[in-house]
C-alpha atoms as a PDB file:
ATOM      1  CA  UNK A   1     -37.539   1.434  12.973  1.00  0.00           C
ATOM      2  CA  UNK A   2     -36.796  -1.383  15.428  1.00  0.00           C
ATOM      3  CA  UNK A   3     -35.305  -0.883  18.883  1.00  0.00           C
ATOM      4  CA  UNK A   4     -32.047  -2.378  17.584  1.00  0.00           C
ATOM      5  CA  UNK A   5     -31.943   0.130  14.719  1.00  0.00           C
ATOM      6  CA  UNK A   6     -32.724   3.010  17.079  1.00  0.00           C
ATOM      7  CA  UNK A   7     -29.969   2.030  19.530  1.00  0.00           C
ATOM      8  CA  UNK A   8     -27.481   1.513  16.704  1.00  0.00           C
ATOM      9  CA  UNK A   9     -28.304   4.960  15.295  1.00  0.00           C
ATOM     10  CA  UNK A  10     -28.032   6.497  18.767  1.00  0.00           C
ATOM     11  CA  UNK A  11     -24.586   4.916  19.245  1.00  0.00           C
ATOM     12  CA  UNK A  12     -23.411   6.069  15.809  1.00  0.00           C
ATOM     13  CA  UNK A  13     -24.663   9.627  16.323  1.00  0.00           C
ATOM     14  CA  UNK A  14     -23.205  10.067  19.819  1.00  0.00           C
ATOM     15  CA  UNK A  15     -20.944   7.239  21.062  1.00  0.00           C
ATOM     16  CA  UNK A  16     -20.105   9.174  24.231  1.00  0.00           C
ATOM     17  CA  UNK A  17     -23.754   9.782  25.095  1.00  0.00           C
ATOM     18  CA  UNK A  18     -24.925   6.162  25.195  1.00  0.00           C
ATOM     19  CA  UNK A  19     -25.902   4.770  28.587  1.00  0.00           C
ATOM     20  CA  UNK A  20     -24.165   1.594  29.696  1.00  0.00           C
ATOM     21  CA  UNK A  21     -27.510  -0.225  29.942  1.00  0.00           C
ATOM     22  CA  UNK A  22     -28.348   0.761  26.358  1.00  0.00           C
ATOM     23  CA  UNK A  23     -24.886  -0.395  25.234  1.00  0.00           C
ATOM     24  CA  UNK A  24     -25.420  -3.813  26.847  1.00  0.00           C
ATOM     25  CA  UNK A  25     -28.862  -4.039  25.234  1.00  0.00           C
ATOM     26  CA  UNK A  26     -27.394  -3.162  21.838  1.00  0.00           C
ATOM     27  CA  UNK A  27     -24.665  -5.797  22.189  1.00  0.00           C
ATOM     28  CA  UNK A  28     -27.288  -8.462  22.956  1.00  0.00           C
ATOM     29  CA  UNK A  29     -29.553  -7.367  20.098  1.00  0.00           C
ATOM     30  CA  UNK A  30     -26.783  -7.714  17.517  1.00  0.00           C
ATOM     31  CA  UNK A  31     -25.977 -11.217  18.801  1.00  0.00           C
ATOM     32  CA  UNK A  32     -22.834 -10.477  20.779  1.00  0.00           C
ATOM     33  CA  UNK A  33     -22.361 -12.936  23.638  1.00  0.00           C
ATOM     34  CA  UNK A  34     -21.582 -11.960  27.219  1.00  0.00           C
ATOM     35  CA  UNK A  35     -18.794 -14.278  28.380  1.00  0.00           C
ATOM     36  CA  UNK A  36     -17.838 -13.215  31.896  1.00  0.00           C
ATOM     37  CA  UNK A  37     -17.131 -10.332  34.213  1.00  0.00           C
ATOM     38  CA  UNK A  38     -13.978  -9.744  36.241  1.00  0.00           C
ATOM     39  CA  UNK A  39     -14.309  -6.790  38.577  1.00  0.00           C
ATOM     40  CA  UNK A  40     -15.838  -3.978  36.579  1.00  0.00           C
ATOM     41  CA  UNK A  41     -14.787  -5.365  33.182  1.00  0.00           C
ATOM     42  CA  UNK A  42     -17.280  -7.346  31.131  1.00  0.00           C
ATOM     43  CA  UNK A  43     -16.029  -9.523  28.295  1.00  0.00           C
ATOM     44  CA  UNK A  44     -18.209  -9.765  25.177  1.00  0.00           C
ATOM     45  CA  UNK A  45     -17.666 -11.702  21.949  1.00  0.00           C
ATOM     46  CA  UNK A  46     -18.989 -10.890  18.513  1.00  0.00           C
ATOM     47  CA  UNK A  47     -20.537 -13.623  16.335  1.00  0.00           C
ATOM     48  CA  UNK A  48     -17.151 -13.996  14.588  1.00  0.00           C
ATOM     49  CA  UNK A  49     -15.196 -14.246  17.849  1.00  0.00           C
ATOM     50  CA  UNK A  50     -13.920 -10.660  18.237  1.00  0.00           C
ATOM     51  CA  UNK A  51     -13.332  -9.968  21.955  1.00  0.00           C
ATOM     52  CA  UNK A  52     -14.362  -6.657  23.508  1.00  0.00           C
ATOM     53  CA  UNK A  53     -13.824  -5.639  27.118  1.00  0.00           C
ATOM     54  CA  UNK A  54     -16.311  -3.023  28.339  1.00  0.00           C
ATOM     55  CA  UNK A  55     -16.859  -1.215  31.590  1.00  0.00           C
ATOM     56  CA  UNK A  56     -19.245   1.424  32.851  1.00  0.00           C
ATOM     57  CA  UNK A  57     -17.987   5.016  32.994  1.00  0.00           C
ATOM     58  CA  UNK A  58     -18.968   7.555  35.629  1.00  0.00           C
ATOM     59  CA  UNK A  59     -22.602   8.602  35.533  1.00  0.00           C
ATOM     60  CA  UNK A  60     -23.906   5.315  34.118  1.00  0.00           C
ATOM     61  CA  UNK A  61     -22.565   6.010  30.630  1.00  0.00           C
ATOM     62  CA  UNK A  62     -20.757   3.644  28.305  1.00  0.00           C
ATOM     63  CA  UNK A  63     -17.171   4.603  27.555  1.00  0.00           C
ATOM     64  CA  UNK A  64     -17.181   6.324  24.189  1.00  0.00           C
ATOM     65  CA  UNK A  65     -14.038   4.664  22.874  1.00  0.00           C
ATOM     66  CA  UNK A  66     -15.473   1.229  23.662  1.00  0.00           C
ATOM     67  CA  UNK A  67     -18.686   2.069  21.791  1.00  0.00           C
ATOM     68  CA  UNK A  68     -16.523   3.224  18.864  1.00  0.00           C
ATOM     69  CA  UNK A  69     -14.539  -0.051  18.954  1.00  0.00           C
ATOM     70  CA  UNK A  70     -17.813  -1.965  18.846  1.00  0.00           C
ATOM     71  CA  UNK A  71     -19.142   0.122  15.947  1.00  0.00           C
ATOM     72  CA  UNK A  72     -15.992  -0.457  13.886  1.00  0.00           C
ATOM     73  CA  UNK A  73     -16.167  -4.210  14.424  1.00  0.00           C
ATOM     74  CA  UNK A  74     -19.918  -4.265  13.774  1.00  0.00           C
ATOM     75  CA  UNK A  75     -19.356  -2.528  10.428  1.00  0.00           C
ATOM     76  CA  UNK A  76     -16.598  -4.995   9.466  1.00  0.00           C
ATOM     77  CA  UNK A  77     -18.782  -7.981  10.286  1.00  0.00           C
ATOM     78  CA  UNK A  78     -21.867  -6.592   8.529  1.00  0.00           C
ATOM     79  CA  UNK A  79     -20.389  -4.891   5.463  1.00  0.00           C
ATOM     80  CA  UNK A  80     -21.972  -7.425   3.087  1.00  0.00           C
ATOM     81  CA  UNK A  81     -25.499  -7.106   4.519  1.00  0.00           C
END
């Protein structure tokens, strides 16, 4: 199992338990592009142009609802794979 597969499984199993650093790593590994940051909000784009704003929660965690938004879009974009 690759690091990408492990992080994806970790996000799917517990979206609220993913660290923000791991979330950023996962976004990069599935070819999402970091566009810019304004304050605490980072703007990322999927390969098809879907825009996602993410920010770090307290304790260095990713916000669970943002991980869930990513997972839904990832599934839509990769349903034929």
